[in-house]
PDB file of N, CA and C in Angstrom:
ATOM      1  N   MET A   1     -78.102 -32.727  12.855  1.00  0.00           N
ATOM      2  CA  MET A   1     -78.047 -33.713  11.805  1.00  0.00           C
ATOM      3  C   MET A   1     -77.103 -33.267  10.696  1.00  0.00           C
ATOM      4  N   ALA A   2     -77.254 -31.999  10.299  1.00  0.00           N
ATOM      5  CA  ALA A   2     -76.410 -31.488   9.213  1.00  0.00           C
ATOM      6  C   ALA A   2     -74.949 -31.410   9.644  1.00  0.00           C
ATOM      7  N   VAL A   3     -74.743 -31.058  10.916  1.00  0.00           N
ATOM      8  CA  VAL A   3     -73.373 -30.967  11.415  1.00  0.00           C
ATOM      9  C   VAL A   3     -72.710 -32.334  11.416  1.00  0.00           C
ATOM     10  N   SER A   4     -73.442 -33.369  11.839  1.00  0.00           N
ATOM     11  CA  SER A   4     -72.866 -34.707  11.858  1.00  0.00           C
ATOM     12  C   SER A   4     -72.601 -35.210  10.451  1.00  0.00           C
ATOM     13  N   LEU A   5     -73.445 -34.860   9.477  1.00  0.00           N
ATOM     14  CA  LEU A   5     -73.198 -35.235   8.091  1.00  0.00           C
ATOM     15  C   LEU A   5     -71.946 -34.565   7.556  1.00  0.00           C
ATOM     16  N   VAL A   6     -71.755 -33.304   7.926  1.00  0.00           N
ATOM     17  CA  VAL A   6     -70.550 -32.586   7.490  1.00  0.00           C
ATOM     18  C   VAL A   6     -69.311 -33.213   8.125  1.00  0.00           C
ATOM     19  N   LYS A   7     -69.408 -33.600   9.393  1.00  0.00           N
ATOM     20  CA  LYS A   7     -68.276 -34.249  10.062  1.00  0.00           C
ATOM     21  C   LYS A   7     -67.930 -35.570   9.388  1.00  0.00           C
ATOM     22  N   VAL A   8     -68.933 -36.382   9.098  1.00  0.00           N
ATOM     23  CA  VAL A   8     -68.701 -37.675   8.455  1.00  0.00           C
ATOM     24  C   VAL A   8     -68.114 -37.477   7.063  1.00  0.00           C
ATOM     25  N   ALA A   9     -68.663 -36.507   6.314  1.00  0.00           N
ATOM     26  CA  ALA A   9     -68.140 -36.235   4.972  1.00  0.00           C
ATOM     27  C   ALA A   9     -66.691 -35.759   5.048  1.00  0.00           C
ATOM     28  N   GLY A  10     -66.391 -34.926   6.027  1.00  0.00           N
ATOM     29  CA  GLY A  10     -65.014 -34.459   6.200  1.00  0.00           C
ATOM     30  C   GLY A  10     -64.067 -35.592   6.537  1.00  0.00           C
ATOM     31  N   LYS A  11     -64.481 -36.469   7.430  1.00  0.00           N
ATOM     32  CA  LYS A  11     -63.638 -37.606   7.806  1.00  0.00           C
ATOM     33  C   LYS A  11     -63.420 -38.547   6.630  1.00  0.00           C
ATOM     34  N   LEU A  12     -64.480 -38.802   5.859  1.00  0.00           N
ATOM     35  CA  LEU A  12     -64.338 -39.656   4.686  1.00  0.00           C
ATOM     36  C   LEU A  12     -63.413 -39.034   3.648  1.00  0.00           C
ATOM     37  N   THR A  13     -63.496 -37.722   3.480  1.00  0.00           N
ATOM     38  CA  THR A  13     -62.627 -37.036   2.525  1.00  0.00           C
ATOM     39  C   THR A  13     -61.175 -37.123   2.960  1.00  0.00           C
ATOM     40  N   VAL A  14     -60.913 -36.822   4.223  1.00  0.00           N
ATOM     41  CA  VAL A  14     -59.539 -36.899   4.732  1.00  0.00           C
ATOM     42  C   VAL A  14     -59.020 -38.323   4.650  1.00  0.00           C
ATOM     43  N   GLY A  15     -59.839 -39.298   5.028  1.00  0.00           N
ATOM     44  CA  GLY A  15     -59.436 -40.703   4.940  1.00  0.00           C
ATOM     45  C   GLY A  15     -59.174 -41.128   3.511  1.00  0.00           C
ATOM     46  N   GLY A  16     -60.002 -40.673   2.588  1.00  0.00           N
ATOM     47  CA  GLY A  16     -59.801 -40.999   1.177  1.00  0.00           C
ATOM     48  C   GLY A  16     -58.507 -40.438   0.640  1.00  0.00           C
ATOM     49  N   PHE A  17     -58.217 -39.169   0.986  1.00  0.00           N
ATOM     50  CA  PHE A  17     -56.959 -38.575   0.537  1.00  0.00           C
ATOM     51  C   PHE A  17     -55.762 -39.286   1.154  1.00  0.00           C
ATOM     52  N   ALA A  18     -55.870 -39.656   2.428  1.00  0.00           N
ATOM     53  CA  ALA A  18     -54.768 -40.365   3.083  1.00  0.00           C
ATOM     54  C   ALA A  18     -54.553 -41.728   2.444  1.00  0.00           C
ATOM     55  N   LEU A  19     -55.639 -42.439   2.161  1.00  0.00           N
ATOM     56  CA  LEU A  19     -55.532 -43.748   1.526  1.00  0.00           C
ATOM     57  C   LEU A  19     -54.949 -43.624   0.121  1.00  0.00           C
ATOM     58  N   TYR A  20     -55.368 -42.603  -0.617  1.00  0.00           N
ATOM     59  CA  TYR A  20     -54.836 -42.384  -1.967  1.00  0.00           C
ATOM     60  C   TYR A  20     -53.341 -42.073  -1.901  1.00  0.00           C
ATOM     61  N   GLY A  21     -52.950 -41.209  -0.965  1.00  0.00           N
ATOM     62  CA  GLY A  21     -51.529 -40.871  -0.830  1.00  0.00           C
ATOM     63  C   GLY A  21     -50.701 -42.073  -0.438  1.00  0.00           C
ATOM     64  N   LEU A  22     -51.212 -42.871   0.468  1.00  0.00           N
ATOM     65  CA  LEU A  22     -50.494 -44.067   0.901  1.00  0.00           C
ATOM     66  C   LEU A  22     -50.392 -45.078  -0.228  1.00  0.00           C
ATOM     67  N   SER A  23     -51.454 -45.217  -1.014  1.00  0.00           N
ATOM     68  CA  SER A  23     -51.392 -46.165  -2.127  1.00  0.00           C
ATOM     69  C   SER A  23     -50.409 -45.694  -3.191  1.00  0.00           C
ATOM     70  N   GLU A  24     -50.256 -44.381  -3.353  1.00  0.00           N
ATOM     71  CA  GLU A  24     -49.282 -43.877  -4.322  1.00  0.00           C
ATOM     72  C   GLU A  24     -47.854 -44.134  -3.835  1.00  0.00           C
ATOM     73  N   VAL A  25     -47.626 -43.952  -2.545  1.00  0.00           N
ATOM     74  CA  VAL A  25     -46.283 -44.160  -1.995  1.00  0.00           C
ATOM     75  C   VAL A  25     -45.916 -45.638  -2.024  1.00  0.00           C
ATOM     76  N   LEU A  26     -46.860 -46.496  -1.665  1.00  0.00           N
ATOM     77  CA  LEU A  26     -46.583 -47.928  -1.561  1.00  0.00           C
ATOM     78  C   LEU A  26     -47.125 -48.706  -2.757  1.00  0.00           C
ATOM     79  N   SER A  27     -47.185 -48.070  -3.915  1.00  0.00           N
ATOM     80  CA  SER A  27     -47.818 -48.719  -5.064  1.00  0.00           C
ATOM     81  C   SER A  27     -47.009 -49.889  -5.600  1.00  0.00           C
ATOM     82  N   SER A  28     -45.714 -49.858  -5.464  1.00  0.00           N
ATOM     83  CA  SER A  28     -44.917 -50.975  -5.950  1.00  0.00           C
ATOM     84  C   SER A  28     -43.787 -51.251  -4.967  1.00  0.00           C
ATOM     85  N   GLN A  29     -43.227 -52.427  -5.088  1.00  0.00           N
ATOM     86  CA  GLN A  29     -42.154 -52.818  -4.189  1.00  0.00           C
ATOM     87  C   GLN A  29     -40.921 -51.947  -4.411  1.00  0.00           C
ATOM     88  N   GLU A  30     -40.609 -51.664  -5.671  1.00  0.00           N
ATOM     89  CA  GLU A  30     -39.438 -50.834  -5.968  1.00  0.00           C
ATOM     90  C   GLU A  30     -39.617 -49.428  -5.416  1.00  0.00           C
ATOM     91  N   ASN A  31     -40.831 -48.886  -5.543  1.00  0.00           N
ATOM     92  CA  ASN A  31     -41.111 -47.554  -5.024  1.00  0.00           C
ATOM     93  C   ASN A  31     -40.995 -47.541  -3.501  1.00  0.00           C
ATOM     94  N   THR A  32     -41.477 -48.573  -2.854  1.00  0.00           N
ATOM     95  CA  THR A  32     -41.383 -48.662  -1.400  1.00  0.00           C
ATOM     96  C   THR A  32     -39.930 -48.735  -0.953  1.00  0.00           C
ATOM     97  N   ILE A  33     -39.136 -49.530  -1.651  1.00  0.00           N
ATOM     98  CA  ILE A  33     -37.717 -49.642  -1.310  1.00  0.00           C
ATOM     99  C   ILE A  33     -37.025 -48.300  -1.490  1.00  0.00           C
ATOM    100  N   LYS A  34     -37.378 -47.612  -2.555  1.00  0.00           N
ATOM    101  CA  LYS A  34     -36.800 -46.290  -2.802  1.00  0.00           C
ATOM    102  C   LYS A  34     -37.177 -45.318  -1.682  1.00  0.00           C
ATOM    103  N   GLN A  35     -38.459 -45.335  -1.266  1.00  0.00           N
ATOM    104  CA  GLN A  35     -38.909 -44.454  -0.189  1.00  0.00           C
ATOM    105  C   GLN A  35     -38.226 -44.803   1.134  1.00  0.00           C
ATOM    106  N   LEU A  36     -38.039 -46.092   1.402  1.00  0.00           N
ATOM    107  CA  LEU A  36     -37.340 -46.495   2.629  1.00  0.00           C
ATOM    108  C   LEU A  36     -35.891 -46.034   2.635  1.00  0.00           C
ATOM    109  N   SER A  37     -35.233 -46.096   1.492  1.00  0.00           N
ATOM    110  CA  SER A  37     -33.840 -45.643   1.442  1.00  0.00           C
ATOM    111  C   SER A  37     -33.752 -44.134   1.630  1.00  0.00           C
ATOM    112  N   VAL A  38     -34.707 -43.372   1.077  1.00  0.00           N
ATOM    113  CA  VAL A  38     -34.724 -41.922   1.292  1.00  0.00           C
ATOM    114  C   VAL A  38     -34.967 -41.620   2.761  1.00  0.00           C
ATOM    115  N   LEU A  39     -35.914 -42.327   3.366  1.00  0.00           N
ATOM    116  CA  LEU A  39     -36.196 -42.147   4.788  1.00  0.00           C
ATOM    117  C   LEU A  39     -34.978 -42.484   5.634  1.00  0.00           C
ATOM    118  N   ASP A  40     -34.279 -43.563   5.282  1.00  0.00           N
ATOM    119  CA  ASP A  40     -33.081 -43.964   6.004  1.00  0.00           C
ATOM    120  C   ASP A  40     -32.000 -42.892   5.914  1.00  0.00           C
ATOM    121  N   SER A  41     -31.776 -42.366   4.719  1.00  0.00           N
ATOM    122  CA  SER A  41     -30.714 -41.365   4.564  1.00  0.00           C
ATOM    123  C   SER A  41     -31.070 -40.080   5.302  1.00  0.00           C
ATOM    124  N   LYS A  42     -32.317 -39.648   5.246  1.00  0.00           N
ATOM    125  CA  LYS A  42     -32.732 -38.426   5.950  1.00  0.00           C
ATOM    126  C   LYS A  42     -32.646 -38.623   7.460  1.00  0.00           C
ATOM    127  N   THR A  43     -32.995 -39.813   7.939  1.00  0.00           N
ATOM    128  CA  THR A  43     -32.929 -40.086   9.371  1.00  0.00           C
ATOM    129  C   THR A  43     -31.482 -40.081   9.839  1.00  0.00           C
ATOM    130  N   ARG A  44     -30.601 -40.695   9.066  1.00  0.00           N
ATOM    131  CA  ARG A  44     -29.183 -40.736   9.456  1.00  0.00           C
ATOM    132  C   ARG A  44     -28.561 -39.352   9.465  1.00  0.00           C
ATOM    133  N   GLU A  45     -29.026 -38.449   8.629  1.00  0.00           N
ATOM    134  CA  GLU A  45     -28.503 -37.085   8.625  1.00  0.00           C
ATOM    135  C   GLU A  45     -28.883 -36.335   9.892  1.00  0.00           C
ATOM    136  N   ASN A  46     -30.064 -36.592  10.433  1.00  0.00           N
ATOM    137  CA  ASN A  46     -30.598 -35.786  11.523  1.00  0.00           C
ATOM    138  C   ASN A  46     -30.485 -36.419  12.909  1.00  0.00           C
ATOM    139  N   ILE A  47     -30.082 -37.676  12.995  1.00  0.00           N
ATOM    140  CA  ILE A  47     -29.926 -38.325  14.296  1.00  0.00           C
ATOM    141  C   ILE A  47     -28.441 -38.593  14.506  1.00  0.00           C
ATOM    142  N   PRO A  48     -27.875 -38.102  15.619  1.00  0.00           N
ATOM    143  CA  PRO A  48     -26.421 -38.175  15.801  1.00  0.00           C
ATOM    144  C   PRO A  48     -25.874 -39.565  16.115  1.00  0.00           C
ATOM    145  N   PHE A  49     -26.657 -40.491  16.620  1.00  0.00           N
ATOM    146  CA  PHE A  49     -26.116 -41.802  16.954  1.00  0.00           C
ATOM    147  C   PHE A  49     -26.376 -42.787  15.819  1.00  0.00           C
ATOM    148  N   SER A  50     -25.651 -43.890  15.859  1.00  0.00           N
ATOM    149  CA  SER A  50     -25.761 -44.848  14.754  1.00  0.00           C
ATOM    150  C   SER A  50     -27.001 -45.722  14.914  1.00  0.00           C
ATOM    151  N   LEU A  51     -27.631 -46.009  13.789  1.00  0.00           N
ATOM    152  CA  LEU A  51     -28.810 -46.856  13.747  1.00  0.00           C
ATOM    153  C   LEU A  51     -28.464 -48.150  13.031  1.00  0.00           C
ATOM    154  N   PRO A  52     -29.222 -49.207  13.256  1.00  0.00           N
ATOM    155  CA  PRO A  52     -28.965 -50.439  12.502  1.00  0.00           C
ATOM    156  C   PRO A  52     -29.215 -50.200  11.013  1.00  0.00           C
ATOM    157  N   GLU A  53     -28.555 -50.987  10.205  1.00  0.00           N
ATOM    158  CA  GLU A  53     -28.695 -50.841   8.759  1.00  0.00           C
ATOM    159  C   GLU A  53     -30.105 -51.203   8.309  1.00  0.00           C
ATOM    160  N   MET A  54     -30.562 -50.496   7.302  1.00  0.00           N
ATOM    161  CA  MET A  54     -31.843 -50.837   6.690  1.00  0.00           C
ATOM    162  C   MET A  54     -31.675 -52.148   5.932  1.00  0.00           C
ATOM    163  N   PRO A  55     -32.720 -52.956   5.816  1.00  0.00           N
ATOM    164  CA  PRO A  55     -32.594 -54.218   5.094  1.00  0.00           C
ATOM    165  C   PRO A  55     -32.269 -53.980   3.621  1.00  0.00           C
ATOM    166  N   THR A  56     -31.507 -54.896   3.060  1.00  0.00           N
ATOM    167  CA  THR A  56     -31.148 -54.769   1.651  1.00  0.00           C
ATOM    168  C   THR A  56     -32.357 -55.070   0.779  1.00  0.00           C
ATOM    169  N   GLN A  57     -32.254 -54.715  -0.473  1.00  0.00           N
ATOM    170  CA  GLN A  57     -33.357 -54.912  -1.398  1.00  0.00           C
ATOM    171  C   GLN A  57     -33.691 -56.402  -1.543  1.00  0.00           C
ATOM    172  N   THR A  58     -32.678 -57.240  -1.578  1.00  0.00           N
ATOM    173  CA  THR A  58     -32.911 -58.678  -1.718  1.00  0.00           C
ATOM    174  C   THR A  58     -33.603 -59.236  -0.482  1.00  0.00           C
ATOM    175  N   LYS A  59     -33.138 -58.833   0.697  1.00  0.00           N
ATOM    176  CA  LYS A  59     -33.748 -59.323   1.930  1.00  0.00           C
ATOM    177  C   LYS A  59     -35.191 -58.852   2.033  1.00  0.00           C
ATOM    178  N   LEU A  60     -35.455 -57.634   1.601  1.00  0.00           N
ATOM    179  CA  LEU A  60     -36.803 -57.100   1.646  1.00  0.00           C
ATOM    180  C   LEU A  60     -37.724 -57.854   0.699  1.00  0.00           C
ATOM    181  N   ARG A  61     -37.220 -58.225  -0.463  1.00  0.00           N
ATOM    182  CA  ARG A  61     -38.033 -58.977  -1.416  1.00  0.00           C
ATOM    183  C   ARG A  61     -38.383 -60.367  -0.872  1.00  0.00           C
ATOM    184  N   HIS A  62     -37.460 -61.004  -0.161  1.00  0.00           N
ATOM    185  CA  HIS A  62     -37.720 -62.353   0.352  1.00  0.00           C
ATOM    186  C   HIS A  62     -38.670 -62.344   1.545  1.00  0.00           C
ATOM    187  N   SER A  63     -38.724 -61.248   2.280  1.00  0.00           N
ATOM    188  CA  SER A  63     -39.592 -61.197   3.448  1.00  0.00           C
ATOM    189  C   SER A  63     -40.808 -60.317   3.221  1.00  0.00           C
ATOM    190  N   TRP A  64     -41.124 -59.999   1.994  1.00  0.00           N
ATOM    191  CA  TRP A  64     -42.204 -59.070   1.679  1.00  0.00           C
ATOM    192  C   TRP A  64     -43.547 -59.567   2.207  1.00  0.00           C
ATOM    193  N   ASN A  65     -43.836 -60.842   2.094  1.00  0.00           N
ATOM    194  CA  ASN A  65     -45.130 -61.361   2.504  1.00  0.00           C
ATOM    195  C   ASN A  65     -45.096 -62.117   3.824  1.00  0.00           C
ATOM    196  N   SER A  66     -44.043 -61.979   4.607  1.00  0.00           N
ATOM    197  CA  SER A  66     -43.964 -62.745   5.853  1.00  0.00           C
ATOM    198  C   SER A  66     -45.054 -62.333   6.834  1.00  0.00           C
ATOM    199  N   GLY A  67     -45.418 -61.059   6.860  1.00  0.00           N
ATOM    200  CA  GLY A  67     -46.495 -60.616   7.740  1.00  0.00           C
ATOM    201  C   GLY A  67     -47.830 -61.204   7.339  1.00  0.00           C
ATOM    202  N   VAL A  68     -48.068 -61.262   6.038  1.00  0.00           N
ATOM    203  CA  VAL A  68     -49.309 -61.849   5.538  1.00  0.00           C
ATOM    204  C   VAL A  68     -49.347 -63.339   5.865  1.00  0.00           C
ATOM    205  N   GLN A  69     -48.218 -64.012   5.677  1.00  0.00           N
ATOM    206  CA  GLN A  69     -48.159 -65.439   5.983  1.00  0.00           C
ATOM    207  C   GLN A  69     -48.402 -65.680   7.469  1.00  0.00           C
ATOM    208  N   LYS A  70     -47.839 -64.848   8.333  1.00  0.00           N
ATOM    209  CA  LYS A  70     -48.033 -64.984   9.778  1.00  0.00           C
ATOM    210  C   LYS A  70     -49.498 -64.755  10.140  1.00  0.00           C
ATOM    211  N   ALA A  71     -50.118 -63.736   9.534  1.00  0.00           N
ATOM    212  CA  ALA A  71     -51.521 -63.444   9.839  1.00  0.00           C
ATOM    213  C   ALA A  71     -52.421 -64.608   9.442  1.00  0.00           C
ATOM    214  N   PHE A  72     -52.208 -65.168   8.253  1.00  0.00           N
ATOM    215  CA  PHE A  72     -53.046 -66.279   7.818  1.00  0.00           C
ATOM    216  C   PHE A  72     -52.766 -67.547   8.617  1.00  0.00           C
ATOM    217  N   SER A  73     -51.534 -67.719   9.051  1.00  0.00           N
ATOM    218  CA  SER A  73     -51.216 -68.864   9.903  1.00  0.00           C
ATOM    219  C   SER A  73     -51.970 -68.761  11.227  1.00  0.00           C
ATOM    220  N   GLU A  74     -51.978 -67.558  11.811  1.00  0.00           N
ATOM    221  CA  GLU A  74     -52.697 -67.357  13.068  1.00  0.00           C
ATOM    222  C   GLU A  74     -54.201 -67.512  12.864  1.00  0.00           C
ATOM    223  N   LEU A  75     -54.726 -67.024  11.737  1.00  0.00           N
ATOM    224  CA  LEU A  75     -56.149 -67.195  11.461  1.00  0.00           C
ATOM    225  C   LEU A  75     -56.505 -68.670  11.296  1.00  0.00           C
ATOM    226  N   ASP A  76     -55.589 -69.432  10.717  1.00  0.00           N
ATOM    227  CA  ASP A  76     -55.813 -70.857  10.531  1.00  0.00           C
ATOM    228  C   ASP A  76     -55.871 -71.575  11.880  1.00  0.00           C
ATOM    229  N   GLN A  77     -55.063 -71.136  12.834  1.00  0.00           N
ATOM    230  CA  GLN A  77     -55.002 -71.779  14.142  1.00  0.00           C
ATOM    231  C   GLN A  77     -56.026 -71.219  15.126  1.00  0.00           C
ATOM    232  N   ALA A  78     -56.705 -70.125  14.771  1.00  0.00           N
ATOM    233  CA  ALA A  78     -57.617 -69.453  15.692  1.00  0.00           C
ATOM    234  C   ALA A  78     -58.771 -70.324  16.174  1.00  0.00           C
ATOM    235  N   PRO A  79     -59.469 -71.080  15.317  1.00  0.00           N
ATOM    236  CA  PRO A  79     -60.596 -71.875  15.847  1.00  0.00           C
ATOM    237  C   PRO A  79     -60.169 -72.886  16.908  1.00  0.00           C
ATOM    238  N   GLN A  80     -59.060 -73.576  16.688  1.00  0.00           N
ATOM    239  CA  GLN A  80     -58.593 -74.550  17.678  1.00  0.00           C
ATOM    240  C   GLN A  80     -58.154 -73.844  18.959  1.00  0.00           C
ATOM    241  N   ALA A  81     -57.496 -72.696  18.811  1.00  0.00           N
ATOM    242  CA  ALA A  81     -57.071 -71.946  19.994  1.00  0.00           C
ATOM    243  C   ALA A  81     -58.277 -71.455  20.786  1.00  0.00           C
ATOM    244  N   MET A  82     -59.310 -70.996  20.092  1.00  0.00           N
ATOM    245  CA  MET A  82     -60.522 -70.549  20.784  1.00  0.00           C
ATOM    246  C   MET A  82     -61.206 -71.715  21.493  1.00  0.00           C
ATOM    247  N   TRP A  83     -61.223 -72.877  20.851  1.00  0.00           N
ATOM    248  CA  TRP A  83     -61.820 -74.062  21.469  1.00  0.00           C
ATOM    249  C   TRP A  83     -61.065 -74.423  22.744  1.00  0.00           C
ATOM    250  N   ASP A  84     -59.724 -74.430  22.668  1.00  0.00           N
ATOM    251  CA  ASP A  84     -58.910 -74.763  23.842  1.00  0.00           C
ATOM    252  C   ASP A  84     -59.104 -73.745  24.955  1.00  0.00           C
ATOM    253  N   LEU A  85     -59.111 -72.448  24.605  1.00  0.00           N
ATOM    254  CA  LEU A  85     -59.318 -71.418  25.622  1.00  0.00           C
ATOM    255  C   LEU A  85     -60.708 -71.511  26.242  1.00  0.00           C
ATOM    256  N   GLY A  86     -61.708 -71.814  25.419  1.00  0.00           N
ATOM    257  CA  GLY A  86     -63.070 -71.979  25.937  1.00  0.00           C
ATOM    258  C   GLY A  86     -63.166 -73.151  26.901  1.00  0.00           C
ATOM    259  N   ALA A  87     -62.511 -74.259  26.535  1.00  0.00           N
ATOM    260  CA  ALA A  87     -62.529 -75.434  27.414  1.00  0.00           C
ATOM    261  C   ALA A  87     -61.815 -75.128  28.731  1.00  0.00           C
ATOM    262  N   ARG A  88     -60.681 -74.451  28.645  1.00  0.00           N
ATOM    263  CA  ARG A  88     -59.960 -74.095  29.879  1.00  0.00           C
ATOM    264  C   ARG A  88     -60.785 -73.152  30.737  1.00  0.00           C
ATOM    265  N   GLY A  89     -61.479 -72.190  30.081  1.00  0.00           N
ATOM    266  CA  GLY A  89     -62.327 -71.254  30.825  1.00  0.00           C
ATOM    267  C   GLY A  89     -63.494 -71.958  31.493  1.00  0.00           C
ATOM    268  N   ALA A  90     -64.110 -72.904  30.762  1.00  0.00           N
ATOM    269  CA  ALA A  90     -65.234 -73.646  31.343  1.00  0.00           C
ATOM    270  C   ALA A  90     -64.772 -74.485  32.532  1.00  0.00           C
ATOM    271  N   ASN A  91     -63.631 -75.142  32.395  1.00  0.00           N
ATOM    272  CA  ASN A  91     -63.096 -75.937  33.514  1.00  0.00           C
ATOM    273  C   ASN A  91     -62.749 -75.057  34.705  1.00  0.00           C
ATOM    274  N   SER A  92     -62.186 -73.902  34.416  1.00  0.00           N
ATOM    275  CA  SER A  92     -61.835 -72.977  35.493  1.00  0.00           C
ATOM    276  C   SER A  92     -63.090 -72.471  36.202  1.00  0.00           C
ATOM    277  N   ALA A  93     -64.120 -72.147  35.420  1.00  0.00           N
ATOM    278  CA  ALA A  93     -65.374 -71.689  36.026  1.00  0.00           C
ATOM    279  C   ALA A  93     -66.009 -72.805  36.853  1.00  0.00           C
ATOM    280  N   LYS A  94     -65.972 -74.032  36.333  1.00  0.00           N
ATOM    281  CA  LYS A  94     -66.536 -75.173  37.056  1.00  0.00           C
ATOM    282  C   LYS A  94     -65.793 -75.381  38.376  1.00  0.00           C
ATOM    283  N   ASP A  95     -64.457 -75.319  38.328  1.00  0.00           N
ATOM    284  CA  ASP A  95     -63.672 -75.480  39.543  1.00  0.00           C
ATOM    285  C   ASP A  95     -63.943 -74.357  40.534  1.00  0.00           C
ATOM    286  N   PHE A  96     -64.100 -73.139  40.047  1.00  0.00           N
ATOM    287  CA  PHE A  96     -64.384 -72.007  40.914  1.00  0.00           C
ATOM    288  C   PHE A  96     -65.731 -72.181  41.601  1.00  0.00           C
ATOM    289  N   ILE A  97     -66.733 -72.609  40.834  1.00  0.00           N
ATOM    290  CA  ILE A  97     -68.076 -72.810  41.412  1.00  0.00           C
ATOM    291  C   ILE A  97     -68.044 -73.933  42.439  1.00  0.00           C
ATOM    292  N   LYS A  98     -67.330 -75.029  42.148  1.00  0.00           N
ATOM    293  CA  LYS A  98     -67.207 -76.129  43.115  1.00  0.00           C
ATOM    294  C   LYS A  98     -66.565 -75.625  44.402  1.00  0.00           C
ATOM    295  N   GLU A  99     -65.543 -74.814  44.262  1.00  0.00           N
ATOM    296  CA  GLU A  99     -64.842 -74.277  45.444  1.00  0.00           C
ATOM    297  C   GLU A  99     -65.758 -73.368  46.257  1.00  0.00           C
ATOM    298  N   GLN A 100     -66.583 -72.601  45.587  1.00  0.00           N
ATOM    299  CA  GLN A 100     -67.479 -71.693  46.282  1.00  0.00           C
ATOM    300  C   GLN A 100     -68.643 -72.431  46.963  1.00  0.00           C
ATOM    301  N   MET A 101     -69.000 -73.593  46.417  1.00  0.00           N
ATOM    302  CA  MET A 101     -70.116 -74.373  46.967  1.00  0.00           C
ATOM    303  C   MET A 101     -69.720 -75.129  48.228  1.00  0.00           C
ATOM    304  N   LYS A 102     -68.456 -75.283  48.519  1.00  0.00           N
ATOM    305  CA  LYS A 102     -68.009 -76.019  49.699  1.00  0.00           C
ATOM    306  C   LYS A 102     -68.361 -75.304  50.967  1.00  0.00           C
TER     307      LYS A 102
END
């Protein structure tokens, strides 16, 4: 029991520090852009072949929430998609049972 508590406490501590570090790095859009440019320059120094250009600051600002918009769009369409998949599954199961009953 004590060992499992120590393991859980250790995992929570490591996760907390990782989350804190990540929030410090990604705390603002300007800071994130700065970190991406540093990462890009360090990567280009150490990799001998050419890589595609990193997105510009303006392009990054315009697409900042595109992932969030895509996620909410998919969540909005999820109930209808689940209904359609359920109906197709039920029809498929019905057809399979009819075929097996012959």
